[in-house]
Amino acid sequence: MKLVFMGTPDFSVSALDALVQAGHEILAVYCQPPRPAGRGKKDRPSPVQLRAESLGLPVRYPKSLRDPTTQAEFRDLKADLAVVVAYGLILPREILDAPSRGCLNIHASLLPRWRGAAPIHRAIMAGDANTGVCIMQMDAGLDTGPVLLRQVSKIGDADTTADLHDRLSQIGADLIVDCIARLDGLTPEAQPETGVTYANKIDKDEARINWAAPAQDVDRQIRGLSPFPGAWCKINGERVILLRSKLADGSGEPGQVLGGFRVACKVGAVEITQAQRSGKRPMNADEFLNGVTLPKTLN
């Protein structure tokens, strides 16, 4: 098919690669404009832009899709289908209606659960046993369109958002290729009205650890916010990001260090298995403790 691909972050790259490898003609790649990043705050292209350019594909990065000229340029591509995955801009009706067979979205949840911006983070933080990927026909609502294909993936007790991100990215890439190959034989399934939840964008204020919460919640917070924005606490006055954890035996006052890198919560305890000091690389617990003497209580 003649496709337009619309995506921006690392999560989207696997799908772009898979569509190219499947032999589809990519008429254009749309992504977010380069953003200032790094210490020098120089404009940095998105992962999708970099990958598309390396493949020799034409790249467009309009700041908005509501401009009539931008919409006319999109229509003039005369695409059969647009594939959208973590693009970052709302598609107005003029864009949704332009491809002859509409727009398909790769969404990293089992819709209608976790519509919205941060489905991977929210699934882990909520303690969901399963998540997955849906291929959805896009409409004007927020992730409300009918679903063509879905695949379930278990959330393991040790899974972080980074782990799930990589797994679901590849599932989405495989699923979209399968979906397009079978498109004429698939029946869209309307999403049920029950079970709807919204995956609100992660607020950095959610990242500070509250040791007075149950251990289960703290463990989910650490894993769900790893690696970004990173759940954190203060250790000897220094802000330290906690990247991996597991539930552990023990009890004590919230924040009390119980030995090693085990920390008491309101109920139960967690063991930190990976952490990162400011300006340093991530370290496993043993390596981290070689350079840091933990206080009696973390805050």
C-alpha atoms as a PDB file:
ATOM      1  CA  MET A   1       0.000   0.000   0.000  1.00  0.00           C
ATOM      2  CA  LYS A   2       0.911   3.656  -0.296  1.00  0.00           C
ATOM      3  CA  LEU A   3       1.315   4.812   3.300  1.00  0.00           C
ATOM      4  CA  VAL A   4       1.929   7.922   5.329  1.00  0.00           C
ATOM      5  CA  PHE A   5       3.712   7.151   8.585  1.00  0.00           C
ATOM      6  CA  MET A   6       3.173   9.443  11.585  1.00  0.00           C
ATOM      7  CA  GLY A   7       5.253   8.932  14.743  1.00  0.00           C
ATOM      8  CA  THR A   8       7.946  10.583  16.807  1.00  0.00           C
ATOM      9  CA  PRO A   9       9.691   8.695  19.670  1.00  0.00           C
ATOM     10  CA  ASP A  10      11.710   5.474  19.884  1.00  0.00           C
ATOM     11  CA  PHE A  11       8.503   3.501  20.363  1.00  0.00           C
ATOM     12  CA  SER A  12       7.485   4.299  16.783  1.00  0.00           C
ATOM     13  CA  VAL A  13      10.700   3.272  15.039  1.00  0.00           C
ATOM     14  CA  SER A  14      10.047  -0.488  15.072  1.00  0.00           C
ATOM     15  CA  ALA A  15       6.764   0.006  13.223  1.00  0.00           C
ATOM     16  CA  LEU A  16       8.390   2.194  10.574  1.00  0.00           C
ATOM     17  CA  ASP A  17      11.089  -0.409  10.001  1.00  0.00           C
ATOM     18  CA  ALA A  18       8.548  -3.219   9.791  1.00  0.00           C
ATOM     19  CA  LEU A  19       6.409  -1.407   7.218  1.00  0.00           C
ATOM     20  CA  VAL A  20       9.431  -0.676   5.043  1.00  0.00           C
ATOM     21  CA  GLN A  21      10.606  -4.287   5.304  1.00  0.00           C
ATOM     22  CA  ALA A  22       7.109  -5.489   4.377  1.00  0.00           C
ATOM     23  CA  GLY A  23       7.417  -3.645   1.074  1.00  0.00           C
ATOM     24  CA  HIS A  24       4.938  -0.823   1.592  1.00  0.00           C
ATOM     25  CA  GLU A  25       5.617   2.477  -0.131  1.00  0.00           C
ATOM     26  CA  ILE A  26       6.144   5.205   2.461  1.00  0.00           C
ATOM     27  CA  LEU A  27       5.062   8.416   0.738  1.00  0.00           C
ATOM     28  CA  ALA A  28       6.082  10.643   3.664  1.00  0.00           C
ATOM     29  CA  VAL A  29       7.006  10.429   7.328  1.00  0.00           C
ATOM     30  CA  TYR A  30       5.444  12.957   9.701  1.00  0.00           C
ATOM     31  CA  CYS A  31       6.984  13.584  13.123  1.00  0.00           C
ATOM     32  CA  GLN A  32       7.352  16.296  15.737  1.00  0.00           C
ATOM     33  CA  PRO A  33       9.812  19.113  14.901  1.00  0.00           C
ATOM     34  CA  PRO A  34      13.352  18.922  16.321  1.00  0.00           C
ATOM     35  CA  ARG A  35      13.431  20.107  19.944  1.00  0.00           C
ATOM     36  CA  PRO A  36      16.193  21.737  22.019  1.00  0.00           C
ATOM     37  CA  ALA A  37      17.982  19.044  24.020  1.00  0.00           C
ATOM     38  CA  GLY A  38      21.234  18.389  25.847  1.00  0.00           C
ATOM     39  CA  ARG A  39      23.467  20.834  27.634  1.00  0.00           C
ATOM     40  CA  GLY A  40      23.834  23.028  24.567  1.00  0.00           C
ATOM     41  CA  LYS A  41      20.054  23.087  23.981  1.00  0.00           C
ATOM     42  CA  LYS A  42      20.589  22.516  20.287  1.00  0.00           C
ATOM     43  CA  ASP A  43      17.673  21.296  18.212  1.00  0.00           C
ATOM     44  CA  ARG A  44      17.711  17.493  18.185  1.00  0.00           C
ATOM     45  CA  PRO A  45      15.751  15.487  15.604  1.00  0.00           C
ATOM     46  CA  SER A  46      13.363  12.859  16.918  1.00  0.00           C
ATOM     47  CA  PRO A  47      14.223   9.145  16.679  1.00  0.00           C
ATOM     48  CA  VAL A  48      11.679   8.719  13.873  1.00  0.00           C
ATOM     49  CA  GLN A  49      13.132  11.602  11.883  1.00  0.00           C
ATOM     50  CA  LEU A  50      16.641  10.178  12.204  1.00  0.00           C
ATOM     51  CA  ARG A  51      15.507   6.711  11.152  1.00  0.00           C
ATOM     52  CA  ALA A  52      13.418   7.987   8.241  1.00  0.00           C
ATOM     53  CA  GLU A  53      16.283  10.092   6.914  1.00  0.00           C
ATOM     54  CA  SER A  54      18.648   7.117   7.172  1.00  0.00           C
ATOM     55  CA  LEU A  55      16.162   5.142   5.052  1.00  0.00           C
ATOM     56  CA  GLY A  56      15.986   7.946   2.487  1.00  0.00           C
ATOM     57  CA  LEU A  57      12.339   8.710   3.217  1.00  0.00           C
ATOM     58  CA  PRO A  58      10.861  12.207   2.889  1.00  0.00           C
ATOM     59  CA  VAL A  59      10.244  13.763   6.320  1.00  0.00           C
ATOM     60  CA  ARG A  60       7.809  16.494   7.290  1.00  0.00           C
ATOM     61  CA  TYR A  61       7.450  18.010  10.745  1.00  0.00           C
ATOM     62  CA  PRO A  62       4.744  20.673  10.792  1.00  0.00           C
ATOM     63  CA  LYS A  63       4.072  22.325  14.139  1.00  0.00           C
ATOM     64  CA  SER A  64       0.342  21.881  13.606  1.00  0.00           C
ATOM     65  CA  LEU A  65      -1.956  19.919  11.307  1.00  0.00           C
ATOM     66  CA  ARG A  66      -4.684  22.567  11.382  1.00  0.00           C
ATOM     67  CA  ASP A  67      -3.091  24.840   8.783  1.00  0.00           C
ATOM     68  CA  PRO A  68      -4.973  24.610   5.438  1.00  0.00           C
ATOM     69  CA  THR A  69      -1.718  24.481   3.461  1.00  0.00           C
ATOM     70  CA  THR A  70      -0.406  21.597   5.584  1.00  0.00           C
ATOM     71  CA  GLN A  71      -3.710  19.770   5.136  1.00  0.00           C
ATOM     72  CA  ALA A  72      -3.621  20.282   1.355  1.00  0.00           C
ATOM     73  CA  GLU A  73      -0.068  18.920   1.207  1.00  0.00           C
ATOM     74  CA  PHE A  74      -1.198  15.864   3.164  1.00  0.00           C
ATOM     75  CA  ARG A  75      -4.172  15.278   0.839  1.00  0.00           C
ATOM     76  CA  ASP A  76      -1.953  15.661  -2.230  1.00  0.00           C
ATOM     77  CA  LEU A  77       0.012  12.586  -1.162  1.00  0.00           C
ATOM     78  CA  LYS A  78      -3.059  10.515  -2.134  1.00  0.00           C
ATOM     79  CA  ALA A  79      -2.216   7.844   0.442  1.00  0.00           C
ATOM     80  CA  ASP A  80      -4.142   4.622   0.794  1.00  0.00           C
ATOM     81  CA  LEU A  81      -3.640   4.619   4.557  1.00  0.00           C
ATOM     82  CA  ALA A  82      -1.933   6.536   7.355  1.00  0.00           C
ATOM     83  CA  VAL A  83      -0.275   4.618  10.197  1.00  0.00           C
ATOM     84  CA  VAL A  84      -0.057   6.626  13.424  1.00  0.00           C
ATOM     85  CA  VAL A  85       1.951   5.622  16.493  1.00  0.00           C
ATOM     86  CA  ALA A  86       2.858   8.022  19.318  1.00  0.00           C
ATOM     87  CA  TYR A  87       2.861  10.969  16.903  1.00  0.00           C
ATOM     88  CA  GLY A  88       2.099  13.661  19.461  1.00  0.00           C
ATOM     89  CA  LEU A  89      -0.352  15.852  17.557  1.00  0.00           C
ATOM     90  CA  ILE A  90      -4.133  15.599  17.351  1.00  0.00           C
ATOM     91  CA  LEU A  91      -5.297  14.694  13.846  1.00  0.00           C
ATOM     92  CA  PRO A  92      -8.152  16.981  12.711  1.00  0.00           C
ATOM     93  CA  ARG A  93     -10.968  15.629  10.582  1.00  0.00           C
ATOM     94  CA  GLU A  94      -9.347  16.930   7.376  1.00  0.00           C
ATOM     95  CA  ILE A  95      -6.320  14.691   8.019  1.00  0.00           C
ATOM     96  CA  LEU A  96      -8.325  11.679   9.217  1.00  0.00           C
ATOM     97  CA  ASP A  97     -10.419  11.721   6.038  1.00  0.00           C
ATOM     98  CA  ALA A  98      -7.574  12.263   3.555  1.00  0.00           C
ATOM     99  CA  PRO A  99      -6.245   8.683   3.066  1.00  0.00           C
ATOM    100  CA  SER A 100      -8.654   6.587   0.999  1.00  0.00           C
ATOM    101  CA  ARG A 101      -8.743   3.861   3.695  1.00  0.00           C
ATOM    102  CA  GLY A 102      -8.428   6.102   6.711  1.00  0.00           C
ATOM    103  CA  CYS A 103      -5.906   6.156   9.560  1.00  0.00           C
ATOM    104  CA  LEU A 104      -4.782   3.285  11.778  1.00  0.00           C
ATOM    105  CA  ASN A 105      -3.316   3.842  15.226  1.00  0.00           C
ATOM    106  CA  ILE A 106      -0.980   1.526  17.141  1.00  0.00           C
ATOM    107  CA  HIS A 107      -1.943   1.981  20.798  1.00  0.00           C
ATOM    108  CA  ALA A 108      -0.028   0.409  23.689  1.00  0.00           C
ATOM    109  CA  SER A 109      -2.926  -0.809  25.832  1.00  0.00           C
ATOM    110  CA  LEU A 110      -5.932  -3.106  25.734  1.00  0.00           C
ATOM    111  CA  LEU A 111      -8.542  -0.542  24.805  1.00  0.00           C
ATOM    112  CA  PRO A 112     -10.761   0.850  26.223  1.00  0.00           C
ATOM    113  CA  ARG A 113      -8.429   0.606  29.230  1.00  0.00           C
ATOM    114  CA  TRP A 114      -5.781   3.312  29.293  1.00  0.00           C
ATOM    115  CA  ARG A 115      -6.790   5.642  26.528  1.00  0.00           C
ATOM    116  CA  GLY A 116      -4.484   8.630  26.346  1.00  0.00           C
ATOM    117  CA  ALA A 117      -0.879   9.677  26.673  1.00  0.00           C
ATOM    118  CA  ALA A 118       0.870   7.312  29.099  1.00  0.00           C
ATOM    119  CA  PRO A 119      -0.692   3.834  28.887  1.00  0.00           C
ATOM    120  CA  ILE A 120       2.490   1.885  29.669  1.00  0.00           C
ATOM    121  CA  HIS A 121       3.328   3.861  32.796  1.00  0.00           C
ATOM    122  CA  ARG A 122      -0.233   3.739  34.077  1.00  0.00           C
ATOM    123  CA  ALA A 123      -0.674   0.009  33.539  1.00  0.00           C
ATOM    124  CA  ILE A 124       2.341  -0.787  35.714  1.00  0.00           C
ATOM    125  CA  MET A 125       1.490   1.815  38.348  1.00  0.00           C
ATOM    126  CA  ALA A 126      -2.060   0.443  38.612  1.00  0.00           C
ATOM    127  CA  GLY A 127      -0.799  -3.116  39.084  1.00  0.00           C
ATOM    128  CA  ASP A 128      -2.425  -4.475  35.928  1.00  0.00           C
ATOM    129  CA  ALA A 129      -1.656  -8.148  35.280  1.00  0.00           C
ATOM    130  CA  ASN A 130      -1.799  -7.707  31.497  1.00  0.00           C
ATOM    131  CA  THR A 131      -1.484  -5.049  28.866  1.00  0.00           C
ATOM    132  CA  GLY A 132      -0.986  -5.258  25.124  1.00  0.00           C
ATOM    133  CA  VAL A 133      -1.346  -3.500  21.790  1.00  0.00           C
ATOM    134  CA  CYS A 134      -4.441  -2.568  19.800  1.00  0.00           C
ATOM    135  CA  ILE A 135      -4.623  -1.571  16.150  1.00  0.00           C
ATOM    136  CA  MET A 136      -7.453   0.936  16.052  1.00  0.00           C
ATOM    137  CA  GLN A 137      -9.283   2.746  13.263  1.00  0.00           C
ATOM    138  CA  MET A 138      -8.944   6.389  14.200  1.00  0.00           C
ATOM    139  CA  ASP A 139     -11.903   8.697  14.668  1.00  0.00           C
ATOM    140  CA  ALA A 140     -12.242  12.200  16.096  1.00  0.00           C
ATOM    141  CA  GLY A 141     -12.244  10.996  19.734  1.00  0.00           C
ATOM    142  CA  LEU A 142      -9.329  10.262  22.045  1.00  0.00           C
ATOM    143  CA  ASP A 143      -8.479   6.611  21.303  1.00  0.00           C
ATOM    144  CA  THR A 144     -12.174   5.822  20.882  1.00  0.00           C
ATOM    145  CA  GLY A 145     -12.170   4.180  17.441  1.00  0.00           C
ATOM    146  CA  PRO A 146     -13.048   0.553  16.675  1.00  0.00           C
ATOM    147  CA  VAL A 147     -10.324  -2.059  17.137  1.00  0.00           C
ATOM    148  CA  LEU A 148      -9.162  -4.290  14.282  1.00  0.00           C
ATOM    149  CA  LEU A 149      -6.557  -6.428  16.062  1.00  0.00           C
ATOM    150  CA  ARG A 150      -5.245  -6.783  19.602  1.00  0.00           C
ATOM    151  CA  GLN A 151      -2.534  -8.809  21.296  1.00  0.00           C
ATOM    152  CA  VAL A 152      -2.138  -9.353  25.039  1.00  0.00           C
ATOM    153  CA  SER A 153       1.203  -9.188  26.865  1.00  0.00           C
ATOM    154  CA  LYS A 154       1.695 -10.164  30.508  1.00  0.00           C
ATOM    155  CA  ILE A 155       3.209  -7.615  32.892  1.00  0.00           C
ATOM    156  CA  GLY A 156       5.874  -9.370  34.948  1.00  0.00           C
ATOM    157  CA  ASP A 157       6.551  -8.636  38.603  1.00  0.00           C
ATOM    158  CA  ALA A 158       9.912  -7.063  37.695  1.00  0.00           C
ATOM    159  CA  ASP A 159       8.858  -5.240  34.521  1.00  0.00           C
ATOM    160  CA  THR A 160       9.633  -1.542  34.235  1.00  0.00           C
ATOM    161  CA  THR A 161       8.159   0.898  31.751  1.00  0.00           C
ATOM    162  CA  ALA A 162      11.398   0.557  29.744  1.00  0.00           C
ATOM    163  CA  ASP A 163      10.974  -3.229  29.547  1.00  0.00           C
ATOM    164  CA  LEU A 164       7.341  -3.018  28.529  1.00  0.00           C
ATOM    165  CA  HIS A 165       8.036  -0.180  26.089  1.00  0.00           C
ATOM    166  CA  ASP A 166      10.469  -2.297  24.093  1.00  0.00           C
ATOM    167  CA  ARG A 167       8.255  -5.380  24.128  1.00  0.00           C
ATOM    168  CA  LEU A 168       5.099  -3.538  23.077  1.00  0.00           C
ATOM    169  CA  SER A 169       6.958  -1.579  20.404  1.00  0.00           C
ATOM    170  CA  GLN A 170       7.902  -4.819  18.667  1.00  0.00           C
ATOM    171  CA  ILE A 171       4.439  -6.315  19.152  1.00  0.00           C
ATOM    172  CA  GLY A 172       2.938  -3.199  17.579  1.00  0.00           C
ATOM    173  CA  ALA A 173       5.314  -3.423  14.615  1.00  0.00           C
ATOM    174  CA  ASP A 174       4.412  -7.046  13.930  1.00  0.00           C
ATOM    175  CA  LEU A 175       0.701  -6.422  14.470  1.00  0.00           C
ATOM    176  CA  ILE A 176       0.426  -3.475  12.072  1.00  0.00           C
ATOM    177  CA  VAL A 177       2.061  -5.446   9.263  1.00  0.00           C
ATOM    178  CA  ASP A 178      -0.352  -8.327   9.913  1.00  0.00           C
ATOM    179  CA  CYS A 179      -3.295  -5.941  10.086  1.00  0.00           C
ATOM    180  CA  ILE A 180      -2.573  -4.287   6.739  1.00  0.00           C
ATOM    181  CA  ALA A 181      -2.028  -7.652   5.072  1.00  0.00           C
ATOM    182  CA  ARG A 182      -5.433  -8.837   6.320  1.00  0.00           C
ATOM    183  CA  LEU A 183      -7.246  -5.495   6.171  1.00  0.00           C
ATOM    184  CA  ASP A 184      -9.993  -6.525   3.761  1.00  0.00           C
ATOM    185  CA  GLY A 185     -10.937  -9.514   5.912  1.00  0.00           C
ATOM    186  CA  LEU A 186     -10.968  -7.830   9.320  1.00  0.00           C
ATOM    187  CA  THR A 187     -14.124  -6.630  11.046  1.00  0.00           C
ATOM    188  CA  PRO A 188     -13.731  -3.516  13.218  1.00  0.00           C
ATOM    189  CA  GLU A 189     -14.936  -4.102  16.768  1.00  0.00           C
ATOM    190  CA  ALA A 190     -16.469  -1.146  18.594  1.00  0.00           C
ATOM    191  CA  GLN A 191     -14.937  -0.486  21.981  1.00  0.00           C
ATOM    192  CA  PRO A 192     -17.215  -1.315  24.922  1.00  0.00           C
ATOM    193  CA  GLU A 193     -18.581   1.579  26.932  1.00  0.00           C
ATOM    194  CA  THR A 194     -17.571  -0.109  30.189  1.00  0.00           C
ATOM    195  CA  GLY A 195     -14.003  -0.388  31.441  1.00  0.00           C
ATOM    196  CA  VAL A 196     -12.836   2.961  30.085  1.00  0.00           C
ATOM    197  CA  THR A 197      -9.830   4.471  31.874  1.00  0.00           C
ATOM    198  CA  TYR A 198      -7.561   7.371  30.936  1.00  0.00           C
ATOM    199  CA  ALA A 199      -3.778   7.307  31.042  1.00  0.00           C
ATOM    200  CA  ASN A 200      -3.061  10.908  31.940  1.00  0.00           C
ATOM    201  CA  LYS A 201       0.335  12.321  31.097  1.00  0.00           C
ATOM    202  CA  ILE A 202       2.867  11.683  33.865  1.00  0.00           C
ATOM    203  CA  ASP A 203       3.362  14.692  36.118  1.00  0.00           C
ATOM    204  CA  LYS A 204       6.822  15.095  37.621  1.00  0.00           C
ATOM    205  CA  ASP A 205       5.148  15.757  40.964  1.00  0.00           C
ATOM    206  CA  GLU A 206       4.190  12.062  40.974  1.00  0.00           C
ATOM    207  CA  ALA A 207       7.827  11.003  40.985  1.00  0.00           C
ATOM    208  CA  ARG A 208       8.854  11.627  44.603  1.00  0.00           C
ATOM    209  CA  ILE A 209       8.532   8.445  46.640  1.00  0.00           C
ATOM    210  CA  ASN A 210       6.224   8.439  49.628  1.00  0.00           C
ATOM    211  CA  TRP A 211       7.543   5.704  51.904  1.00  0.00           C
ATOM    212  CA  ALA A 212       4.350   5.997  53.951  1.00  0.00           C
ATOM    213  CA  ALA A 213       2.504   4.256  51.102  1.00  0.00           C
ATOM    214  CA  PRO A 214       2.158   0.447  51.019  1.00  0.00           C
ATOM    215  CA  ALA A 215       5.191  -1.396  49.626  1.00  0.00           C
ATOM    216  CA  GLN A 216       3.162  -2.643  46.668  1.00  0.00           C
ATOM    217  CA  ASP A 217       2.382   0.920  45.604  1.00  0.00           C
ATOM    218  CA  VAL A 218       5.983   2.070  46.040  1.00  0.00           C
ATOM    219  CA  ASP A 219       7.295  -0.853  43.985  1.00  0.00           C
ATOM    220  CA  ARG A 220       4.821  -0.105  41.198  1.00  0.00           C
ATOM    221  CA  GLN A 221       5.719   3.583  41.279  1.00  0.00           C
ATOM    222  CA  ILE A 222       9.431   2.833  40.937  1.00  0.00           C
ATOM    223  CA  ARG A 223       8.977   0.397  38.071  1.00  0.00           C
ATOM    224  CA  GLY A 224       6.245   2.414  36.367  1.00  0.00           C
ATOM    225  CA  LEU A 225       8.308   5.613  36.283  1.00  0.00           C
ATOM    226  CA  SER A 226      11.538   3.924  35.162  1.00  0.00           C
ATOM    227  CA  PRO A 227      13.425   5.302  33.350  1.00  0.00           C
ATOM    228  CA  PHE A 228      11.439   8.531  32.884  1.00  0.00           C
ATOM    229  CA  PRO A 229      10.759  10.682  34.755  1.00  0.00           C
ATOM    230  CA  GLY A 230      12.262   8.395  37.423  1.00  0.00           C
ATOM    231  CA  ALA A 231      10.902   7.872  40.923  1.00  0.00           C
ATOM    232  CA  TRP A 232      13.257   9.499  43.418  1.00  0.00           C
ATOM    233  CA  CYS A 233      14.073  10.080  47.045  1.00  0.00           C
ATOM    234  CA  LYS A 234      16.706  11.976  48.986  1.00  0.00           C
ATOM    235  CA  ILE A 235      19.751  10.039  50.232  1.00  0.00           C
ATOM    236  CA  ASN A 236      22.161  12.072  52.364  1.00  0.00           C
ATOM    237  CA  GLY A 237      20.644  15.203  50.842  1.00  0.00           C
ATOM    238  CA  GLU A 238      21.207  14.008  47.300  1.00  0.00           C
ATOM    239  CA  ARG A 239      18.362  13.298  44.897  1.00  0.00           C
ATOM    240  CA  VAL A 240      18.673   9.682  43.757  1.00  0.00           C
ATOM    241  CA  ILE A 241      16.532   8.020  41.091  1.00  0.00           C
ATOM    242  CA  LEU A 242      15.384   4.491  41.893  1.00  0.00           C
ATOM    243  CA  LEU A 243      15.047   2.468  38.689  1.00  0.00           C
ATOM    244  CA  ARG A 244      14.272  -1.119  39.701  1.00  0.00           C
ATOM    245  CA  SER A 245      12.807  -2.722  42.793  1.00  0.00           C
ATOM    246  CA  LYS A 246      10.976  -5.743  44.170  1.00  0.00           C
ATOM    247  CA  LEU A 247       8.829  -6.517  47.164  1.00  0.00           C
ATOM    248  CA  ALA A 248      10.818  -7.674  50.191  1.00  0.00           C
ATOM    249  CA  ASP A 249      10.350  -9.089  53.678  1.00  0.00           C
ATOM    250  CA  GLY A 250      10.567  -6.784  56.667  1.00  0.00           C
ATOM    251  CA  SER A 251       8.763  -3.993  58.424  1.00  0.00           C
ATOM    252  CA  GLY A 252       9.570  -0.761  60.205  1.00  0.00           C
ATOM    253  CA  GLU A 253       8.887   2.938  60.199  1.00  0.00           C
ATOM    254  CA  PRO A 254       8.262   4.311  56.690  1.00  0.00           C
ATOM    255  CA  GLY A 255      11.609   5.069  55.032  1.00  0.00           C
ATOM    256  CA  GLN A 256      13.635   3.049  57.557  1.00  0.00           C
ATOM    257  CA  VAL A 257      16.573   1.202  55.992  1.00  0.00           C
ATOM    258  CA  LEU A 258      16.327  -2.429  57.056  1.00  0.00           C
ATOM    259  CA  GLY A 259      19.694  -3.615  55.784  1.00  0.00           C
ATOM    260  CA  GLY A 260      21.254  -3.616  52.343  1.00  0.00           C
ATOM    261  CA  PHE A 261      18.957  -1.559  50.152  1.00  0.00           C
ATOM    262  CA  ARG A 262      15.707  -2.750  51.759  1.00  0.00           C
ATOM    263  CA  VAL A 263      13.403   0.064  52.831  1.00  0.00           C
ATOM    264  CA  ALA A 264      10.324  -0.162  55.047  1.00  0.00           C
ATOM    265  CA  CYS A 265       7.018   1.227  53.822  1.00  0.00           C
ATOM    266  CA  LYS A 266       3.702   1.764  55.566  1.00  0.00           C
ATOM    267  CA  VAL A 267       2.994  -1.923  54.998  1.00  0.00           C
ATOM    268  CA  GLY A 268       5.856  -4.236  54.032  1.00  0.00           C
ATOM    269  CA  ALA A 269       9.136  -3.279  52.406  1.00  0.00           C
ATOM    270  CA  VAL A 270      10.799  -2.898  49.020  1.00  0.00           C
ATOM    271  CA  GLU A 271      14.290  -3.809  47.941  1.00  0.00           C
ATOM    272  CA  ILE A 272      15.959  -1.431  45.510  1.00  0.00           C
ATOM    273  CA  THR A 273      17.884  -3.350  42.860  1.00  0.00           C
ATOM    274  CA  GLN A 274      19.015  -0.478  40.625  1.00  0.00           C
ATOM    275  CA  ALA A 275      19.566   3.217  41.309  1.00  0.00           C
ATOM    276  CA  GLN A 276      21.175   6.241  39.716  1.00  0.00           C
ATOM    277  CA  ARG A 277      22.923   9.203  41.309  1.00  0.00           C
ATOM    278  CA  SER A 278      22.791  12.599  39.650  1.00  0.00           C
ATOM    279  CA  GLY A 279      25.151  12.738  36.677  1.00  0.00           C
ATOM    280  CA  LYS A 280      26.080   9.063  37.044  1.00  0.00           C
ATOM    281  CA  ARG A 281      25.103   5.939  35.138  1.00  0.00           C
ATOM    282  CA  PRO A 282      22.560   3.466  36.528  1.00  0.00           C
ATOM    283  CA  MET A 283      24.100   1.011  39.003  1.00  0.00           C
ATOM    284  CA  ASN A 284      22.900  -2.224  40.546  1.00  0.00           C
ATOM    285  CA  ALA A 285      22.372  -2.144  44.305  1.00  0.00           C
ATOM    286  CA  ASP A 286      25.713  -3.703  45.309  1.00  0.00           C
ATOM    287  CA  GLU A 287      27.667  -1.301  43.138  1.00  0.00           C
ATOM    288  CA  PHE A 288      25.633   1.661  44.370  1.00  0.00           C
ATOM    289  CA  LEU A 289      26.209   0.760  48.035  1.00  0.00           C
ATOM    290  CA  ASN A 290      29.949   0.522  47.477  1.00  0.00           C
ATOM    291  CA  GLY A 291      29.991   4.284  47.041  1.00  0.00           C
ATOM    292  CA  VAL A 292      27.157   5.359  49.337  1.00  0.00           C
ATOM    293  CA  THR A 293      26.515   4.832  53.034  1.00  0.00           C
ATOM    294  CA  LEU A 294      22.780   4.821  53.527  1.00  0.00           C
ATOM    295  CA  PRO A 295      21.327   6.797  56.437  1.00  0.00           C
ATOM    296  CA  LYS A 296      19.007   5.115  58.903  1.00  0.00           C
ATOM    297  CA  THR A 297      15.993   6.631  57.164  1.00  0.00           C
ATOM    298  CA  LEU A 298      15.338   7.739  53.596  1.00  0.00           C
ATOM    299  CA  ASN A 299      13.102  10.684  52.798  1.00  0.00           C
END
